[in-house]
Amino acid sequence: MARAGRRTKRFVIFAILCVVVVVMLFPFVYMLLSSFRSYDQFLTGSGFSLDSWEGLFKQLPVVQQMVNSAIVTISAVALILFTSTTAGYAFAKLRFPLSPLLFVGILAGMMIPVQSIIIPEFVNIANVGLINKYPGPILVYAVLGIPFATYLMTTYFRGVPTELVEASLMDGASYWQIFRGVMVPLAIPAIVTVAVLQFIQIWGDLLIGLLFLNQPEYRTITVGLATLQSARIIPVPMIMAGSIVSLLPAVIIYLFFQRQLITGLTMGMGK
């Protein structure tokens, strides 16, 4: 009876997981099938062709827009990582005046909706002449991503034994040497977690890219796809093809670093 109960429980769990997998994968399968159809074939629901893919590369400079997205995303992620790792190390292992108050202020930044500050940010970026230039959205993305990244890195560094810092100080190492030689290697899972989460968030964002990079030569791939929807007839198969192209880098990054991502989330947040 006990063995039969365990088998039934496993079967129920397996069936639920299968349903979840089907629900999660259905949009991707639908996108893939729709991208290999022309507009007329999409309306009739039968037949396959490469018309949508050919039309996508004719109407959009896909390669240039992917490069633009890569420049903005990688630069913003690098800035977020540098700031959050140093700030997290300082909040977790150093003692300085008003550190608890500053940390609470950073946490409060996580609660501010992007829509409530996007207009002031646009005015500030315009005043310094960074509209339609890469540094503009890079700075905005970095400012929006640093609070969460700092919180996660602080949480992770607090789980590292303080005795390691004390022993390194007794050996003559400076705080900067301890950060580079001890803390950063130990925090690789948390660093990868921040990098992957921020990469996916920034790569797929539309609002900031649409506001700060609206010139054709600076558009990111998500902004480029949004311009396709401004026509009287929305080319759904072409948009699906572009969505797959835009989706691939984020999926590849996630699949490549999924083990480190899970480790960073479980270890960092658990500590």
C-alpha atoms as a PDB file:
ATOM      1  CA  MET A   1       0.000   0.000   0.000  1.00  0.00           C
ATOM      2  CA  ALA A   2       2.805   2.413   0.884  1.00  0.00           C
ATOM      3  CA  ARG A   3       4.625   1.630  -2.366  1.00  0.00           C
ATOM      4  CA  ALA A   4       1.435   2.111  -4.375  1.00  0.00           C
ATOM      5  CA  GLY A   5       0.856   5.433  -2.627  1.00  0.00           C
ATOM      6  CA  ARG A   6       4.357   6.622  -3.508  1.00  0.00           C
ATOM      7  CA  ARG A   7       3.871   5.600  -7.133  1.00  0.00           C
ATOM      8  CA  THR A   8       0.566   7.449  -7.304  1.00  0.00           C
ATOM      9  CA  LYS A   9       2.150  10.534  -5.793  1.00  0.00           C
ATOM     10  CA  ARG A  10       5.025  10.439  -8.284  1.00  0.00           C
ATOM     11  CA  PHE A  11       2.607   9.964 -11.171  1.00  0.00           C
ATOM     12  CA  VAL A  12       0.528  12.956 -10.074  1.00  0.00           C
ATOM     13  CA  ILE A  13       3.641  15.125  -9.738  1.00  0.00           C
ATOM     14  CA  PHE A  14       4.895  13.968 -13.142  1.00  0.00           C
ATOM     15  CA  ALA A  15       1.513  14.721 -14.748  1.00  0.00           C
ATOM     16  CA  ILE A  16       1.448  18.212 -13.214  1.00  0.00           C
ATOM     17  CA  LEU A  17       4.980  18.903 -14.435  1.00  0.00           C
ATOM     18  CA  CYS A  18       4.036  17.748 -17.933  1.00  0.00           C
ATOM     19  CA  VAL A  19       1.109  20.168 -17.965  1.00  0.00           C
ATOM     20  CA  VAL A  20       3.395  22.988 -16.786  1.00  0.00           C
ATOM     21  CA  VAL A  21       5.937  22.168 -19.511  1.00  0.00           C
ATOM     22  CA  VAL A  22       3.249  22.203 -22.208  1.00  0.00           C
ATOM     23  CA  VAL A  23       1.894  25.535 -20.980  1.00  0.00           C
ATOM     24  CA  MET A  24       5.379  27.075 -20.843  1.00  0.00           C
ATOM     25  CA  LEU A  25       6.553  25.761 -24.215  1.00  0.00           C
ATOM     26  CA  PHE A  26       3.362  26.399 -26.191  1.00  0.00           C
ATOM     27  CA  PRO A  27       4.093  30.124 -26.853  1.00  0.00           C
ATOM     28  CA  PHE A  28       7.555  29.278 -28.198  1.00  0.00           C
ATOM     29  CA  VAL A  29       6.228  26.533 -30.458  1.00  0.00           C
ATOM     30  CA  TYR A  30       3.491  28.879 -31.695  1.00  0.00           C
ATOM     31  CA  MET A  31       6.063  31.604 -32.415  1.00  0.00           C
ATOM     32  CA  LEU A  32       8.305  29.174 -34.284  1.00  0.00           C
ATOM     33  CA  LEU A  33       5.538  27.739 -36.448  1.00  0.00           C
ATOM     34  CA  SER A  34       4.058  31.170 -37.193  1.00  0.00           C
ATOM     35  CA  SER A  35       7.438  32.578 -38.209  1.00  0.00           C
ATOM     36  CA  PHE A  36       7.684  30.031 -41.041  1.00  0.00           C
ATOM     37  CA  ARG A  37       4.440  31.186 -42.640  1.00  0.00           C
ATOM     38  CA  SER A  38       3.535  34.067 -44.878  1.00  0.00           C
ATOM     39  CA  TYR A  39       0.777  36.432 -43.840  1.00  0.00           C
ATOM     40  CA  ASP A  40      -1.812  34.623 -45.983  1.00  0.00           C
ATOM     41  CA  GLN A  41      -0.674  31.240 -44.677  1.00  0.00           C
ATOM     42  CA  PHE A  42      -0.937  32.573 -41.127  1.00  0.00           C
ATOM     43  CA  LEU A  43      -4.542  33.616 -41.729  1.00  0.00           C
ATOM     44  CA  THR A  44      -5.478  30.240 -43.217  1.00  0.00           C
ATOM     45  CA  GLY A  45      -3.394  28.242 -40.704  1.00  0.00           C
ATOM     46  CA  SER A  46      -1.791  25.996 -43.321  1.00  0.00           C
ATOM     47  CA  GLY A  47       1.435  25.888 -45.304  1.00  0.00           C
ATOM     48  CA  PHE A  48       4.977  26.999 -44.564  1.00  0.00           C
ATOM     49  CA  SER A  49       7.446  29.353 -46.238  1.00  0.00           C
ATOM     50  CA  LEU A  50      10.441  31.612 -45.533  1.00  0.00           C
ATOM     51  CA  ASP A  51       8.697  34.808 -46.656  1.00  0.00           C
ATOM     52  CA  SER A  52       8.501  36.231 -43.134  1.00  0.00           C
ATOM     53  CA  TRP A  53      12.197  35.688 -42.458  1.00  0.00           C
ATOM     54  CA  GLU A  54      13.164  37.242 -45.780  1.00  0.00           C
ATOM     55  CA  GLY A  55      10.862  40.202 -45.167  1.00  0.00           C
ATOM     56  CA  LEU A  56      12.264  40.690 -41.666  1.00  0.00           C
ATOM     57  CA  PHE A  57      15.855  41.096 -42.861  1.00  0.00           C
ATOM     58  CA  LYS A  58      14.708  43.333 -45.727  1.00  0.00           C
ATOM     59  CA  GLN A  59      12.704  45.729 -43.563  1.00  0.00           C
ATOM     60  CA  LEU A  60      14.960  45.809 -40.499  1.00  0.00           C
ATOM     61  CA  PRO A  61      18.751  46.040 -40.092  1.00  0.00           C
ATOM     62  CA  VAL A  62      18.600  43.054 -37.756  1.00  0.00           C
ATOM     63  CA  VAL A  63      22.363  42.620 -37.366  1.00  0.00           C
ATOM     64  CA  GLN A  64      22.938  46.293 -36.528  1.00  0.00           C
ATOM     65  CA  GLN A  65      20.062  46.337 -34.058  1.00  0.00           C
ATOM     66  CA  MET A  66      21.357  43.188 -32.381  1.00  0.00           C
ATOM     67  CA  VAL A  67      24.771  44.861 -32.077  1.00  0.00           C
ATOM     68  CA  ASN A  68      23.134  47.945 -30.567  1.00  0.00           C
ATOM     69  CA  SER A  69      21.297  45.767 -28.051  1.00  0.00           C
ATOM     70  CA  ALA A  70      24.522  43.961 -27.178  1.00  0.00           C
ATOM     71  CA  ILE A  71      26.429  47.206 -26.633  1.00  0.00           C
ATOM     72  CA  VAL A  72      23.773  48.669 -24.361  1.00  0.00           C
ATOM     73  CA  THR A  73      23.080  45.459 -22.439  1.00  0.00           C
ATOM     74  CA  ILE A  74      26.660  44.333 -21.849  1.00  0.00           C
ATOM     75  CA  SER A  75      27.803  47.820 -20.846  1.00  0.00           C
ATOM     76  CA  ALA A  76      24.905  48.276 -18.418  1.00  0.00           C
ATOM     77  CA  VAL A  77      25.429  44.822 -16.893  1.00  0.00           C
ATOM     78  CA  ALA A  78      29.161  45.491 -16.448  1.00  0.00           C
ATOM     79  CA  LEU A  79      28.413  48.774 -14.676  1.00  0.00           C
ATOM     80  CA  ILE A  80      25.808  47.107 -12.467  1.00  0.00           C
ATOM     81  CA  LEU A  81      28.191  44.281 -11.544  1.00  0.00           C
ATOM     82  CA  PHE A  82      31.073  46.591 -10.626  1.00  0.00           C
ATOM     83  CA  THR A  83      28.889  48.874  -8.515  1.00  0.00           C
ATOM     84  CA  SER A  84      26.869  46.154  -6.797  1.00  0.00           C
ATOM     85  CA  THR A  85      29.817  43.914  -5.924  1.00  0.00           C
ATOM     86  CA  THR A  86      31.844  46.744  -4.389  1.00  0.00           C
ATOM     87  CA  ALA A  87      28.805  48.159  -2.585  1.00  0.00           C
ATOM     88  CA  GLY A  88      27.722  44.727  -1.367  1.00  0.00           C
ATOM     89  CA  TYR A  89      31.217  44.038  -0.019  1.00  0.00           C
ATOM     90  CA  ALA A  90      31.246  47.396   1.770  1.00  0.00           C
ATOM     91  CA  PHE A  91      27.805  46.955   3.332  1.00  0.00           C
ATOM     92  CA  ALA A  92      28.505  43.367   4.401  1.00  0.00           C
ATOM     93  CA  LYS A  93      32.087  43.495   5.682  1.00  0.00           C
ATOM     94  CA  LEU A  94      33.051  47.116   6.327  1.00  0.00           C
ATOM     95  CA  ARG A  95      31.877  49.505   8.994  1.00  0.00           C
ATOM     96  CA  PHE A  96      31.302  53.136   8.107  1.00  0.00           C
ATOM     97  CA  PRO A  97      28.930  55.879   9.307  1.00  0.00           C
ATOM     98  CA  LEU A  98      25.287  55.696   8.234  1.00  0.00           C
ATOM     99  CA  SER A  99      25.755  52.359   6.452  1.00  0.00           C
ATOM    100  CA  PRO A 100      22.400  50.939   7.691  1.00  0.00           C
ATOM    101  CA  LEU A 101      20.609  54.092   6.569  1.00  0.00           C
ATOM    102  CA  LEU A 102      22.275  54.023   3.160  1.00  0.00           C
ATOM    103  CA  PHE A 103      21.393  50.367   2.722  1.00  0.00           C
ATOM    104  CA  VAL A 104      17.740  51.071   3.541  1.00  0.00           C
ATOM    105  CA  GLY A 105      17.811  53.871   0.989  1.00  0.00           C
ATOM    106  CA  ILE A 106      19.094  51.470  -1.652  1.00  0.00           C
ATOM    107  CA  LEU A 107      16.361  48.973  -0.771  1.00  0.00           C
ATOM    108  CA  ALA A 108      13.810  51.761  -1.121  1.00  0.00           C
ATOM    109  CA  GLY A 109      15.034  52.269  -4.679  1.00  0.00           C
ATOM    110  CA  MET A 110      13.744  48.797  -5.528  1.00  0.00           C
ATOM    111  CA  MET A 111      10.193  49.923  -4.754  1.00  0.00           C
ATOM    112  CA  ILE A 112      10.102  52.901  -7.151  1.00  0.00           C
ATOM    113  CA  PRO A 113       8.163  52.112 -10.366  1.00  0.00           C
ATOM    114  CA  VAL A 114      10.071  52.857 -13.550  1.00  0.00           C
ATOM    115  CA  GLN A 115       7.103  54.719 -15.011  1.00  0.00           C
ATOM    116  CA  SER A 116       7.138  57.248 -12.171  1.00  0.00           C
ATOM    117  CA  ILE A 117      10.700  58.402 -12.838  1.00  0.00           C
ATOM    118  CA  ILE A 118      11.045  57.906 -16.585  1.00  0.00           C
ATOM    119  CA  ILE A 119      10.107  61.512 -17.486  1.00  0.00           C
ATOM    120  CA  PRO A 120      12.574  63.123 -15.030  1.00  0.00           C
ATOM    121  CA  GLU A 121      15.223  60.694 -16.240  1.00  0.00           C
ATOM    122  CA  PHE A 122      14.531  61.643 -19.850  1.00  0.00           C
ATOM    123  CA  VAL A 123      14.824  65.348 -19.017  1.00  0.00           C
ATOM    124  CA  ASN A 124      18.095  64.790 -17.135  1.00  0.00           C
ATOM    125  CA  ILE A 125      19.606  62.686 -19.910  1.00  0.00           C
ATOM    126  CA  ALA A 126      18.486  65.234 -22.516  1.00  0.00           C
ATOM    127  CA  ASN A 127      20.061  68.096 -20.547  1.00  0.00           C
ATOM    128  CA  VAL A 128      23.467  66.430 -20.705  1.00  0.00           C
ATOM    129  CA  GLY A 129      23.067  65.615 -24.404  1.00  0.00           C
ATOM    130  CA  LEU A 130      22.912  61.820 -24.184  1.00  0.00           C
ATOM    131  CA  ILE A 131      19.673  61.196 -26.102  1.00  0.00           C
ATOM    132  CA  ASN A 132      20.312  58.881 -29.083  1.00  0.00           C
ATOM    133  CA  LYS A 133      23.713  58.010 -27.643  1.00  0.00           C
ATOM    134  CA  TYR A 134      24.655  54.720 -26.008  1.00  0.00           C
ATOM    135  CA  PRO A 135      25.642  56.176 -22.585  1.00  0.00           C
ATOM    136  CA  GLY A 136      22.107  57.514 -22.037  1.00  0.00           C
ATOM    137  CA  PRO A 137      20.190  54.224 -21.753  1.00  0.00           C
ATOM    138  CA  ILE A 138      23.240  52.499 -20.253  1.00  0.00           C
ATOM    139  CA  LEU A 139      23.190  54.880 -17.292  1.00  0.00           C
ATOM    140  CA  VAL A 140      19.416  54.562 -16.889  1.00  0.00           C
ATOM    141  CA  TYR A 141      19.524  50.762 -16.952  1.00  0.00           C
ATOM    142  CA  ALA A 142      22.409  50.764 -14.470  1.00  0.00           C
ATOM    143  CA  VAL A 143      20.593  53.062 -12.051  1.00  0.00           C
ATOM    144  CA  LEU A 144      17.483  50.878 -12.203  1.00  0.00           C
ATOM    145  CA  GLY A 145      19.388  47.612 -11.765  1.00  0.00           C
ATOM    146  CA  ILE A 146      21.886  48.547  -9.051  1.00  0.00           C
ATOM    147  CA  PRO A 147      19.473  48.480  -6.030  1.00  0.00           C
ATOM    148  CA  PHE A 148      18.412  44.841  -6.497  1.00  0.00           C
ATOM    149  CA  ALA A 149      21.926  43.753  -7.446  1.00  0.00           C
ATOM    150  CA  THR A 150      23.384  45.466  -4.377  1.00  0.00           C
ATOM    151  CA  TYR A 151      20.824  43.800  -2.139  1.00  0.00           C
ATOM    152  CA  LEU A 152      21.622  40.360  -3.529  1.00  0.00           C
ATOM    153  CA  MET A 153      25.395  40.862  -3.329  1.00  0.00           C
ATOM    154  CA  THR A 154      25.161  42.206   0.233  1.00  0.00           C
ATOM    155  CA  THR A 155      23.107  39.193   1.251  1.00  0.00           C
ATOM    156  CA  TYR A 156      25.642  36.851  -0.290  1.00  0.00           C
ATOM    157  CA  PHE A 157      28.707  38.556   1.194  1.00  0.00           C
ATOM    158  CA  ARG A 158      27.136  38.470   4.654  1.00  0.00           C
ATOM    159  CA  GLY A 159      27.135  34.699   4.363  1.00  0.00           C
ATOM    160  CA  VAL A 160      30.909  34.629   3.853  1.00  0.00           C
ATOM    161  CA  PRO A 161      32.684  34.092   7.217  1.00  0.00           C
ATOM    162  CA  THR A 162      34.129  37.312   8.590  1.00  0.00           C
ATOM    163  CA  GLU A 163      37.110  35.294   9.823  1.00  0.00           C
ATOM    164  CA  LEU A 164      38.373  35.174   6.229  1.00  0.00           C
ATOM    165  CA  VAL A 165      38.569  38.962   6.145  1.00  0.00           C
ATOM    166  CA  GLU A 166      40.226  39.133   9.554  1.00  0.00           C
ATOM    167  CA  ALA A 167      42.783  36.473   8.639  1.00  0.00           C
ATOM    168  CA  SER A 168      43.606  38.261   5.385  1.00  0.00           C
ATOM    169  CA  LEU A 169      44.083  41.545   7.253  1.00  0.00           C
ATOM    170  CA  MET A 170      46.464  39.877   9.665  1.00  0.00           C
ATOM    171  CA  ASP A 171      48.431  38.572   6.675  1.00  0.00           C
ATOM    172  CA  GLY A 172      48.906  42.145   5.494  1.00  0.00           C
ATOM    173  CA  ALA A 173      46.295  42.310   2.743  1.00  0.00           C
ATOM    174  CA  SER A 174      44.376  45.518   2.154  1.00  0.00           C
ATOM    175  CA  TYR A 175      40.593  45.650   1.927  1.00  0.00           C
ATOM    176  CA  TRP A 176      40.842  46.050  -1.851  1.00  0.00           C
ATOM    177  CA  GLN A 177      43.144  43.022  -2.109  1.00  0.00           C
ATOM    178  CA  ILE A 178      40.717  41.028   0.030  1.00  0.00           C
ATOM    179  CA  PHE A 179      37.884  42.057  -2.251  1.00  0.00           C
ATOM    180  CA  ARG A 180      39.711  41.011  -5.426  1.00  0.00           C
ATOM    181  CA  GLY A 181      41.451  37.887  -4.134  1.00  0.00           C
ATOM    182  CA  VAL A 182      38.957  36.464  -1.644  1.00  0.00           C
ATOM    183  CA  MET A 183      35.473  37.888  -1.971  1.00  0.00           C
ATOM    184  CA  VAL A 184      35.046  38.032  -5.732  1.00  0.00           C
ATOM    185  CA  PRO A 185      36.096  34.374  -6.338  1.00  0.00           C
ATOM    186  CA  LEU A 186      33.738  33.223  -3.588  1.00  0.00           C
ATOM    187  CA  ALA A 187      30.883  35.298  -4.991  1.00  0.00           C
ATOM    188  CA  ILE A 188      31.012  33.968  -8.559  1.00  0.00           C
ATOM    189  CA  PRO A 189      27.573  32.270  -8.279  1.00  0.00           C
ATOM    190  CA  ALA A 190      25.994  35.506  -7.033  1.00  0.00           C
ATOM    191  CA  ILE A 191      27.784  37.562  -9.697  1.00  0.00           C
ATOM    192  CA  VAL A 192      26.534  35.211 -12.428  1.00  0.00           C
ATOM    193  CA  THR A 193      23.027  35.402 -10.983  1.00  0.00           C
ATOM    194  CA  VAL A 194      23.036  39.197 -11.124  1.00  0.00           C
ATOM    195  CA  ALA A 195      24.538  39.199 -14.618  1.00  0.00           C
ATOM    196  CA  VAL A 196      22.000  36.747 -16.073  1.00  0.00           C
ATOM    197  CA  LEU A 197      18.953  38.360 -14.467  1.00  0.00           C
ATOM    198  CA  GLN A 198      20.007  41.847 -15.511  1.00  0.00           C
ATOM    199  CA  PHE A 199      20.934  40.711 -19.021  1.00  0.00           C
ATOM    200  CA  ILE A 200      17.488  39.189 -19.572  1.00  0.00           C
ATOM    201  CA  GLN A 201      15.760  42.245 -18.108  1.00  0.00           C
ATOM    202  CA  ILE A 202      17.697  44.829 -20.122  1.00  0.00           C
ATOM    203  CA  TRP A 203      17.801  42.875 -23.380  1.00  0.00           C
ATOM    204  CA  GLY A 204      14.029  42.520 -23.519  1.00  0.00           C
ATOM    205  CA  ASP A 205      13.166  46.048 -22.381  1.00  0.00           C
ATOM    206  CA  LEU A 206      11.273  48.297 -24.784  1.00  0.00           C
ATOM    207  CA  LEU A 207      10.314  51.467 -22.898  1.00  0.00           C
ATOM    208  CA  ILE A 208      13.771  52.877 -22.175  1.00  0.00           C
ATOM    209  CA  GLY A 209      15.150  51.932 -25.570  1.00  0.00           C
ATOM    210  CA  LEU A 210      12.176  53.512 -27.307  1.00  0.00           C
ATOM    211  CA  LEU A 211      12.621  56.794 -25.434  1.00  0.00           C
ATOM    212  CA  PHE A 212      16.399  57.164 -25.381  1.00  0.00           C
ATOM    213  CA  LEU A 213      17.380  55.511 -28.686  1.00  0.00           C
ATOM    214  CA  ASN A 214      14.708  56.513 -31.199  1.00  0.00           C
ATOM    215  CA  GLN A 215      16.995  57.184 -34.168  1.00  0.00           C
ATOM    216  CA  PRO A 216      17.085  54.265 -36.665  1.00  0.00           C
ATOM    217  CA  GLU A 217      20.860  53.796 -36.474  1.00  0.00           C
ATOM    218  CA  TYR A 218      20.747  53.439 -32.669  1.00  0.00           C
ATOM    219  CA  ARG A 219      17.629  51.316 -32.257  1.00  0.00           C
ATOM    220  CA  THR A 220      17.798  48.072 -30.340  1.00  0.00           C
ATOM    221  CA  ILE A 221      16.158  44.919 -31.654  1.00  0.00           C
ATOM    222  CA  THR A 222      13.085  45.288 -29.406  1.00  0.00           C
ATOM    223  CA  VAL A 223      12.536  48.863 -30.599  1.00  0.00           C
ATOM    224  CA  GLY A 224      12.991  47.732 -34.195  1.00  0.00           C
ATOM    225  CA  LEU A 225      10.320  45.072 -33.775  1.00  0.00           C
ATOM    226  CA  ALA A 226       7.977  47.676 -32.300  1.00  0.00           C
ATOM    227  CA  THR A 227       8.248  49.741 -35.487  1.00  0.00           C
ATOM    228  CA  LEU A 228       6.897  46.819 -37.505  1.00  0.00           C
ATOM    229  CA  GLN A 229       3.621  47.054 -35.592  1.00  0.00           C
ATOM    230  CA  SER A 230       3.017  50.638 -36.694  1.00  0.00           C
ATOM    231  CA  ALA A 231       1.805  49.546 -40.127  1.00  0.00           C
ATOM    232  CA  ARG A 232      -1.890  49.330 -40.988  1.00  0.00           C
ATOM    233  CA  ILE A 233      -1.581  45.565 -41.371  1.00  0.00           C
ATOM    234  CA  ILE A 234       0.416  44.039 -38.545  1.00  0.00           C
ATOM    235  CA  PRO A 235       2.748  41.379 -40.048  1.00  0.00           C
ATOM    236  CA  VAL A 236       2.339  38.835 -37.275  1.00  0.00           C
ATOM    237  CA  PRO A 237       4.564  36.108 -38.826  1.00  0.00           C
ATOM    238  CA  MET A 238       7.350  38.644 -39.388  1.00  0.00           C
ATOM    239  CA  ILE A 239       7.053  39.858 -35.800  1.00  0.00           C
ATOM    240  CA  MET A 240       7.222  36.258 -34.615  1.00  0.00           C
ATOM    241  CA  ALA A 241      10.414  35.716 -36.624  1.00  0.00           C
ATOM    242  CA  GLY A 242      11.925  38.861 -35.141  1.00  0.00           C
ATOM    243  CA  SER A 243      10.873  37.819 -31.652  1.00  0.00           C
ATOM    244  CA  ILE A 244      12.704  34.529 -32.057  1.00  0.00           C
ATOM    245  CA  VAL A 245      15.859  36.357 -33.157  1.00  0.00           C
ATOM    246  CA  SER A 246      15.542  38.708 -30.190  1.00  0.00           C
ATOM    247  CA  LEU A 247      14.835  35.857 -27.797  1.00  0.00           C
ATOM    248  CA  LEU A 248      17.790  33.658 -28.705  1.00  0.00           C
ATOM    249  CA  PRO A 249      20.596  35.559 -26.881  1.00  0.00           C
ATOM    250  CA  ALA A 250      18.678  35.634 -23.596  1.00  0.00           C
ATOM    251  CA  VAL A 251      17.793  31.942 -23.870  1.00  0.00           C
ATOM    252  CA  ILE A 252      21.392  30.997 -24.687  1.00  0.00           C
ATOM    253  CA  ILE A 253      22.720  33.023 -21.745  1.00  0.00           C
ATOM    254  CA  TYR A 254      20.215  31.396 -19.397  1.00  0.00           C
ATOM    255  CA  LEU A 255      20.890  27.851 -20.591  1.00  0.00           C
ATOM    256  CA  PHE A 256      24.664  28.338 -20.457  1.00  0.00           C
ATOM    257  CA  PHE A 257      24.670  29.735 -16.909  1.00  0.00           C
ATOM    258  CA  GLN A 258      21.619  27.996 -15.461  1.00  0.00           C
ATOM    259  CA  ARG A 259      23.626  25.918 -12.969  1.00  0.00           C
ATOM    260  CA  GLN A 260      25.469  28.957 -11.599  1.00  0.00           C
ATOM    261  CA  LEU A 261      22.185  30.889 -11.585  1.00  0.00           C
ATOM    262  CA  ILE A 262      20.430  28.293  -9.449  1.00  0.00           C
ATOM    263  CA  THR A 263      23.442  28.057  -7.124  1.00  0.00           C
ATOM    264  CA  GLY A 264      23.558  31.814  -6.694  1.00  0.00           C
ATOM    265  CA  LEU A 265      19.844  32.078  -5.941  1.00  0.00           C
ATOM    266  CA  THR A 266      19.758  29.204  -3.471  1.00  0.00           C
ATOM    267  CA  MET A 267      23.058  29.908  -1.694  1.00  0.00           C
ATOM    268  CA  GLY A 268      22.979  33.678  -1.797  1.00  0.00           C
ATOM    269  CA  MET A 269      19.374  34.163  -0.772  1.00  0.00           C
ATOM    270  CA  GLY A 270      19.533  31.297   1.705  1.00  0.00           C
ATOM    271  CA  LYS A 271      22.432  32.842   3.550  1.00  0.00           C
END
